[in-house]
Amino acid sequence: MNLRNFLIVVFSVVGSLATSAQSNLLNAKTPDQIGLKTAAQLISDNDKPLAYGYVHDRDILMGKTTWEIIDLNEKINFPLYFPIDTANIGSDRRSLYDVLTKAMRSGELTEVYSDSYFNTKKSYKDIQSSLSRIDTTDAGREQMNAGMGSVSPEYILRSDLTAQDVSEYKIKGYWYFDKRQSELKYRLLGICPVTPDVYTMNSEVKDYIELFWVFFPSAREILHKAKAFNDGNSAMPISFDQILNSRRFNSVIYKEENVYGDRAIDEYMKDNSQNQLLESNRVKEKIRDFESDMWNY
């Protein structure tokens, strides 16, 4: 074996070990010790989300609120979608949808609203009717009509929304030019999973709804603890907070704040997807051009 082939084998072995690396993996004596950290490790990690810097209103030279769609069918957005089935993976990784709903169920996440303007709060109890549907078959209805009192369990149908049903996320953010630092910046304000209406999820034509809006700054601690898969290096997982704050996703603007009551692009460019996409790019370039125009004399 020559030197070149030997190096290829060595790097392949090292790479295969790195891709399967988890916390305490190399020190574990039993499988249940994998993922455990000592008290000293937890202290040294100091694992907290990067704090936002204070921005004074007078430092904002230009600001624009936009709403975007993150399509989960795009490969770059897969870390927000997978895993949809957590029963057969050997880690605590969860999809973004599972992380949000679990935090709502436990009461850890409370800043949940019915719209992107964060006017009306919603609790987990408020959205439960949107997460599951209970129905009976024809045989079950016959039992009820016959006065049998209760319906046999086999005649009761339950449909639950899962991470697999999430088709996209809507996000609301604020682009602003910080004149103190002379830089165009972005601050994420809200995120919303879009799912089929539970009453149409089994039909051919589905009605998609905004399930709930989360005020993003209040959920940063939760999203930082939850780790997504890092395809480049699984020994260094990336948190959902890092993915969203660093905009490691692809999205399309579907609305900007405007004088017409923040109307969406498809409201004034109807039945023409190409023109809607071009208008979305125009809005994006208009924001970007402001920063470049600051350096033109």
Protein backbone atom coordinates (compact mmCIF):
# COMPACT_ATOMS: atom_id res chain seq x y z
CA MET A 1 0.00 0.00 0.00
CA ASN A 2 1.53 3.34 -1.01
CA LEU A 3 1.48 6.48 1.13
CA ARG A 4 -1.42 8.07 -0.75
CA ASN A 5 -3.75 5.10 -0.26
CA PHE A 6 -2.67 4.80 3.37
CA LEU A 7 -3.65 8.42 4.06
CA ILE A 8 -7.01 7.91 2.37
CA VAL A 9 -7.73 4.93 4.63
CA VAL A 10 -6.64 6.84 7.76
CA PHE A 11 -8.80 9.87 6.99
CA SER A 12 -11.74 7.64 6.11
CA VAL A 13 -11.53 5.88 9.48
CA VAL A 14 -11.18 9.16 11.38
CA GLY A 15 -14.07 10.64 9.42
CA SER A 16 -16.30 7.65 10.16
CA LEU A 17 -15.54 7.98 13.89
CA ALA A 18 -16.30 11.70 13.84
CA THR A 19 -19.64 11.27 12.11
CA SER A 20 -20.86 8.96 14.86
CA ALA A 21 -19.42 10.98 17.72
CA GLN A 22 -21.64 11.95 20.64
CA SER A 23 -20.95 13.38 24.06
CA ASN A 24 -18.97 10.93 26.20
CA LEU A 25 -19.06 8.36 23.40
CA LEU A 26 -15.38 7.44 23.67
CA ASN A 27 -15.41 7.23 27.48
CA ALA A 28 -18.65 5.27 27.96
CA LYS A 29 -18.42 1.84 29.57
CA THR A 30 -22.08 1.01 28.88
CA PRO A 31 -24.50 2.34 26.24
CA ASP A 32 -26.53 4.27 28.83
CA GLN A 33 -23.46 6.41 29.60
CA ILE A 34 -23.40 7.82 26.07
CA GLY A 35 -24.48 11.46 26.07
CA LEU A 36 -23.86 12.01 29.77
CA LYS A 37 -21.71 14.94 30.86
CA THR A 38 -19.94 15.44 34.14
CA ALA A 39 -20.71 18.46 36.33
CA ALA A 40 -17.35 19.96 35.37
CA GLN A 41 -18.19 19.58 31.67
CA LEU A 42 -21.55 21.28 32.10
CA ILE A 43 -19.91 24.21 33.89
CA SER A 44 -17.15 24.55 31.30
CA ASP A 45 -19.60 24.36 28.39
CA ASN A 46 -21.53 27.46 29.52
CA ASP A 47 -23.95 26.54 26.78
CA LYS A 48 -26.24 29.54 26.34
CA PRO A 49 -27.57 31.33 23.29
CA LEU A 50 -25.58 34.31 22.11
CA ALA A 51 -27.22 37.37 23.66
CA TYR A 52 -28.61 40.08 21.42
CA GLY A 53 -26.93 43.43 21.70
CA TYR A 54 -28.95 46.44 22.76
CA VAL A 55 -30.11 48.55 19.81
CA HIS A 56 -31.31 52.07 20.49
CA ASP A 57 -34.16 53.37 18.36
CA ARG A 58 -32.02 56.33 17.30
CA ASP A 59 -29.41 53.94 15.88
CA ILE A 60 -31.88 52.52 13.35
CA LEU A 61 -31.53 54.50 10.13
CA MET A 62 -33.87 52.23 8.13
CA GLY A 63 -36.19 49.41 9.15
CA LYS A 64 -38.48 47.03 7.28
CA THR A 65 -40.60 44.14 8.56
CA THR A 66 -40.92 41.13 6.27
CA TRP A 67 -42.72 37.80 6.34
CA GLU A 68 -41.10 34.76 4.68
CA ILE A 69 -41.90 31.14 3.88
CA ILE A 70 -39.40 28.34 4.57
CA ASP A 71 -40.33 25.44 2.30
CA LEU A 72 -39.40 22.16 3.99
CA ASN A 73 -39.24 20.35 0.64
CA GLU A 74 -35.94 22.11 -0.08
CA LYS A 75 -32.88 20.13 0.93
CA ILE A 76 -31.18 23.05 2.68
CA ASN A 77 -34.19 23.25 5.03
CA PHE A 78 -34.16 19.55 5.99
CA PRO A 79 -32.53 20.18 9.43
CA LEU A 80 -35.74 21.97 10.45
CA TYR A 81 -37.91 19.05 9.29
CA PHE A 82 -36.12 15.83 10.24
CA PRO A 83 -36.26 13.54 12.10
CA ILE A 84 -39.99 12.92 11.68
CA ASP A 85 -39.81 9.48 13.33
CA THR A 86 -37.76 9.46 16.53
CA ALA A 87 -38.51 5.89 17.58
CA ASN A 88 -35.56 4.33 15.78
CA ILE A 89 -32.78 6.89 16.20
CA GLY A 90 -30.28 6.57 19.00
CA SER A 91 -30.25 10.18 20.17
CA ASP A 92 -32.49 12.86 21.60
CA ARG A 93 -32.73 14.78 18.33
CA ARG A 94 -36.18 16.08 17.50
CA SER A 95 -37.69 18.09 14.68
CA LEU A 96 -38.36 21.77 15.25
CA TYR A 97 -42.11 21.09 15.40
CA ASP A 98 -41.68 18.49 18.15
CA VAL A 99 -39.42 20.82 20.12
CA LEU A 100 -41.99 23.64 20.03
CA THR A 101 -45.04 21.51 20.84
CA LYS A 102 -43.23 19.66 23.64
CA ALA A 103 -42.23 22.97 25.22
CA MET A 104 -45.81 24.20 24.96
CA ARG A 105 -47.15 21.00 26.50
CA SER A 106 -44.79 21.26 29.46
CA GLY A 107 -45.54 24.94 30.00
CA GLU A 108 -41.95 25.98 29.30
CA LEU A 109 -43.03 27.94 26.20
CA THR A 110 -45.80 30.43 26.91
CA GLU A 111 -45.31 33.23 24.38
CA VAL A 112 -47.54 31.64 21.73
CA TYR A 113 -50.03 33.67 19.70
CA SER A 114 -52.74 33.28 17.10
CA ASP A 115 -51.22 35.67 14.53
CA SER A 116 -47.95 37.29 13.54
CA TYR A 117 -48.81 40.55 15.29
CA PHE A 118 -48.75 38.79 18.68
CA ASN A 119 -52.09 40.20 19.81
CA THR A 120 -53.96 37.14 21.11
CA LYS A 121 -52.21 34.58 23.27
CA LYS A 122 -52.84 30.86 22.86
CA SER A 123 -52.15 28.03 25.28
CA TYR A 124 -51.51 24.39 24.45
CA LYS A 125 -55.11 23.66 25.43
CA ASP A 126 -56.29 26.21 22.85
CA ILE A 127 -54.52 24.47 19.99
CA GLN A 128 -55.26 20.88 20.97
CA SER A 129 -58.35 20.85 18.76
CA SER A 130 -56.10 21.75 15.83
CA LEU A 131 -53.59 19.00 16.62
CA SER A 132 -55.93 16.00 16.68
CA ARG A 133 -59.31 14.87 15.42
CA ILE A 134 -61.49 12.13 16.89
CA ASP A 135 -64.22 10.64 14.74
CA THR A 136 -66.29 7.48 14.57
CA THR A 137 -66.91 5.10 11.70
CA ASP A 138 -70.36 4.30 10.32
CA ALA A 139 -70.45 1.18 12.48
CA GLY A 140 -69.76 3.30 15.54
CA ARG A 141 -72.57 5.67 14.66
CA GLU A 142 -74.92 2.71 14.34
CA GLN A 143 -73.95 1.67 17.86
CA MET A 144 -74.77 5.14 19.14
CA ASN A 145 -78.10 5.24 17.27
CA ALA A 146 -78.98 1.84 18.69
CA GLY A 147 -78.64 3.28 22.18
CA MET A 148 -75.72 1.11 23.23
CA GLY A 149 -74.29 3.96 25.30
CA SER A 150 -70.65 3.74 24.27
CA VAL A 151 -68.82 3.10 21.03
CA SER A 152 -66.39 0.20 20.70
CA PRO A 153 -62.75 1.39 20.57
CA GLU A 154 -62.18 -0.21 17.16
CA TYR A 155 -64.81 2.11 15.69
CA ILE A 156 -63.13 5.28 16.96
CA LEU A 157 -60.72 6.99 14.56
CA ARG A 158 -58.07 9.38 15.81
CA SER A 159 -55.95 11.54 13.52
CA ASP A 160 -53.00 13.44 14.99
CA LEU A 161 -50.77 16.04 13.42
CA THR A 162 -47.12 15.04 13.57
CA ALA A 163 -43.82 16.52 12.44
CA GLN A 164 -44.31 14.74 9.14
CA ASP A 165 -47.35 16.90 8.35
CA VAL A 166 -45.52 20.22 8.63
CA SER A 167 -45.10 21.52 5.10
CA GLU A 168 -43.43 24.86 5.76
CA TYR A 169 -42.63 27.49 8.35
CA LYS A 170 -43.55 31.13 8.20
CA ILE A 171 -41.23 33.59 9.85
CA LYS A 172 -41.51 37.26 10.66
CA GLY A 173 -38.39 39.39 10.94
CA TYR A 174 -37.07 42.91 10.97
CA TRP A 175 -34.35 44.17 8.65
CA TYR A 176 -32.65 47.31 9.89
CA PHE A 177 -29.60 49.41 9.12
CA ASP A 178 -27.58 50.12 12.24
CA LYS A 179 -25.97 53.51 11.64
CA ARG A 180 -23.70 53.11 14.66
CA GLN A 181 -22.08 50.01 13.13
CA SER A 182 -22.90 50.93 9.51
CA GLU A 183 -24.31 47.48 8.85
CA LEU A 184 -27.55 45.94 7.61
CA LYS A 185 -28.83 43.44 10.18
CA TYR A 186 -31.73 41.08 10.69
CA ARG A 187 -33.67 40.20 13.82
CA LEU A 188 -36.06 37.23 13.81
CA LEU A 189 -39.30 38.03 15.64
CA GLY A 190 -41.67 35.11 15.12
CA ILE A 191 -41.99 31.63 13.67
CA CYS A 192 -45.08 29.62 12.73
CA PRO A 193 -45.51 25.98 11.58
CA VAL A 194 -47.92 25.55 8.66
CA THR A 195 -49.84 22.27 8.65
CA PRO A 196 -52.95 20.81 6.99
CA ASP A 197 -56.21 21.39 8.79
CA VAL A 198 -56.69 18.23 10.82
CA TYR A 199 -60.17 17.80 9.30
CA THR A 200 -58.80 17.78 5.74
CA MET A 201 -55.45 16.01 6.26
CA ASN A 202 -56.82 12.69 4.97
CA SER A 203 -58.54 14.17 1.93
CA GLU A 204 -57.08 14.75 -1.52
CA VAL A 205 -57.38 18.54 -1.26
CA LYS A 206 -55.90 19.82 1.98
CA ASP A 207 -56.50 23.19 3.62
CA TYR A 208 -53.32 24.55 5.16
CA ILE A 209 -53.43 26.72 8.27
CA GLU A 210 -51.06 28.70 10.47
CA LEU A 211 -51.00 26.52 13.55
CA PHE A 212 -49.58 29.07 16.00
CA TRP A 213 -47.05 31.90 16.13
CA VAL A 214 -44.17 31.79 18.60
CA PHE A 215 -42.49 35.02 19.70
CA PHE A 216 -38.96 33.97 18.82
CA PRO A 217 -36.88 35.87 21.44
CA SER A 218 -38.81 34.13 24.23
CA ALA A 219 -38.07 30.69 22.76
CA ARG A 220 -34.31 31.10 22.24
CA GLU A 221 -33.29 29.18 25.37
CA ILE A 222 -35.51 26.25 24.35
CA LEU A 223 -34.30 26.24 20.75
CA HIS A 224 -30.67 26.49 21.83
CA LYS A 225 -30.93 23.37 23.97
CA ALA A 226 -32.46 21.43 21.06
CA LYS A 227 -29.82 20.34 18.57
CA ALA A 228 -30.29 19.71 14.85
CA PHE A 229 -28.16 17.44 12.70
CA ASN A 230 -24.95 18.97 11.37
CA ASP A 231 -24.23 17.27 8.07
CA GLY A 232 -20.68 18.63 7.97
CA ASN A 233 -19.64 17.39 11.41
CA SER A 234 -21.97 15.42 13.69
CA ALA A 235 -19.51 15.84 16.56
CA MET A 236 -20.52 19.51 16.63
CA PRO A 237 -24.32 19.64 16.41
CA ILE A 238 -25.93 22.98 15.69
CA SER A 239 -28.89 24.32 17.62
CA PHE A 240 -32.14 25.51 16.08
CA ASP A 241 -31.42 28.94 17.54
CA GLN A 242 -28.15 29.10 15.61
CA ILE A 243 -29.74 27.89 12.38
CA LEU A 244 -32.49 30.49 12.49
CA ASN A 245 -30.44 33.43 13.74
CA SER A 246 -27.67 32.84 11.20
CA ARG A 247 -30.30 32.31 8.45
CA ARG A 248 -28.95 28.91 7.43
CA PHE A 249 -32.07 28.21 5.39
CA ASN A 250 -33.69 29.26 2.16
CA SER A 251 -36.87 31.32 2.20
CA VAL A 252 -39.12 33.45 0.02
CA ILE A 253 -40.66 36.76 1.08
CA TYR A 254 -44.43 36.61 0.80
CA LYS A 255 -45.30 39.89 2.53
CA GLU A 256 -43.75 43.17 3.63
CA GLU A 257 -45.20 45.92 5.76
CA ASN A 258 -46.91 48.42 3.49
CA VAL A 259 -49.52 51.16 3.37
CA TYR A 260 -52.18 48.71 2.15
CA GLY A 261 -52.58 47.02 5.52
CA ASP A 262 -49.55 44.75 5.04
CA ARG A 263 -51.18 42.97 2.13
CA ALA A 264 -49.43 39.87 0.86
CA ILE A 265 -47.80 39.64 -2.56
CA ASP A 266 -50.34 37.10 -3.83
CA GLU A 267 -53.13 39.59 -3.07
CA TYR A 268 -51.99 42.05 -5.73
CA MET A 269 -50.27 39.57 -8.06
CA LYS A 270 -52.83 36.83 -8.38
CA ASP A 271 -52.61 33.57 -10.33
CA ASN A 272 -49.07 34.18 -11.51
CA SER A 273 -46.42 32.37 -9.48
CA GLN A 274 -43.55 33.66 -11.58
CA ASN A 275 -44.49 37.31 -11.05
CA GLN A 276 -44.96 36.63 -7.34
CA LEU A 277 -41.44 35.21 -7.13
CA LEU A 278 -40.04 38.17 -9.06
CA GLU A 279 -41.84 40.57 -6.73
CA SER A 280 -40.42 38.72 -3.73
CA ASN A 281 -36.91 39.11 -5.15
CA ARG A 282 -37.60 42.80 -5.80
CA VAL A 283 -38.48 43.35 -2.14
CA LYS A 284 -35.35 41.48 -1.05
CA GLU A 285 -33.10 43.47 -3.38
CA LYS A 286 -34.71 46.76 -2.29
CA ILE A 287 -33.62 46.04 1.28
CA ARG A 288 -30.13 44.95 0.25
CA ASP A 289 -29.66 47.94 -2.03
CA PHE A 290 -30.16 50.32 0.85
CA GLU A 291 -26.94 49.12 2.46
CA SER A 292 -24.95 49.31 -0.78
CA ASP A 293 -26.37 52.76 -1.58
CA MET A 294 -25.00 54.06 1.72
CA TRP A 295 -21.51 53.77 0.27
CA ASN A 296 -22.27 55.53 -3.03
CA TYR A 297 -21.43 59.22 -3.28
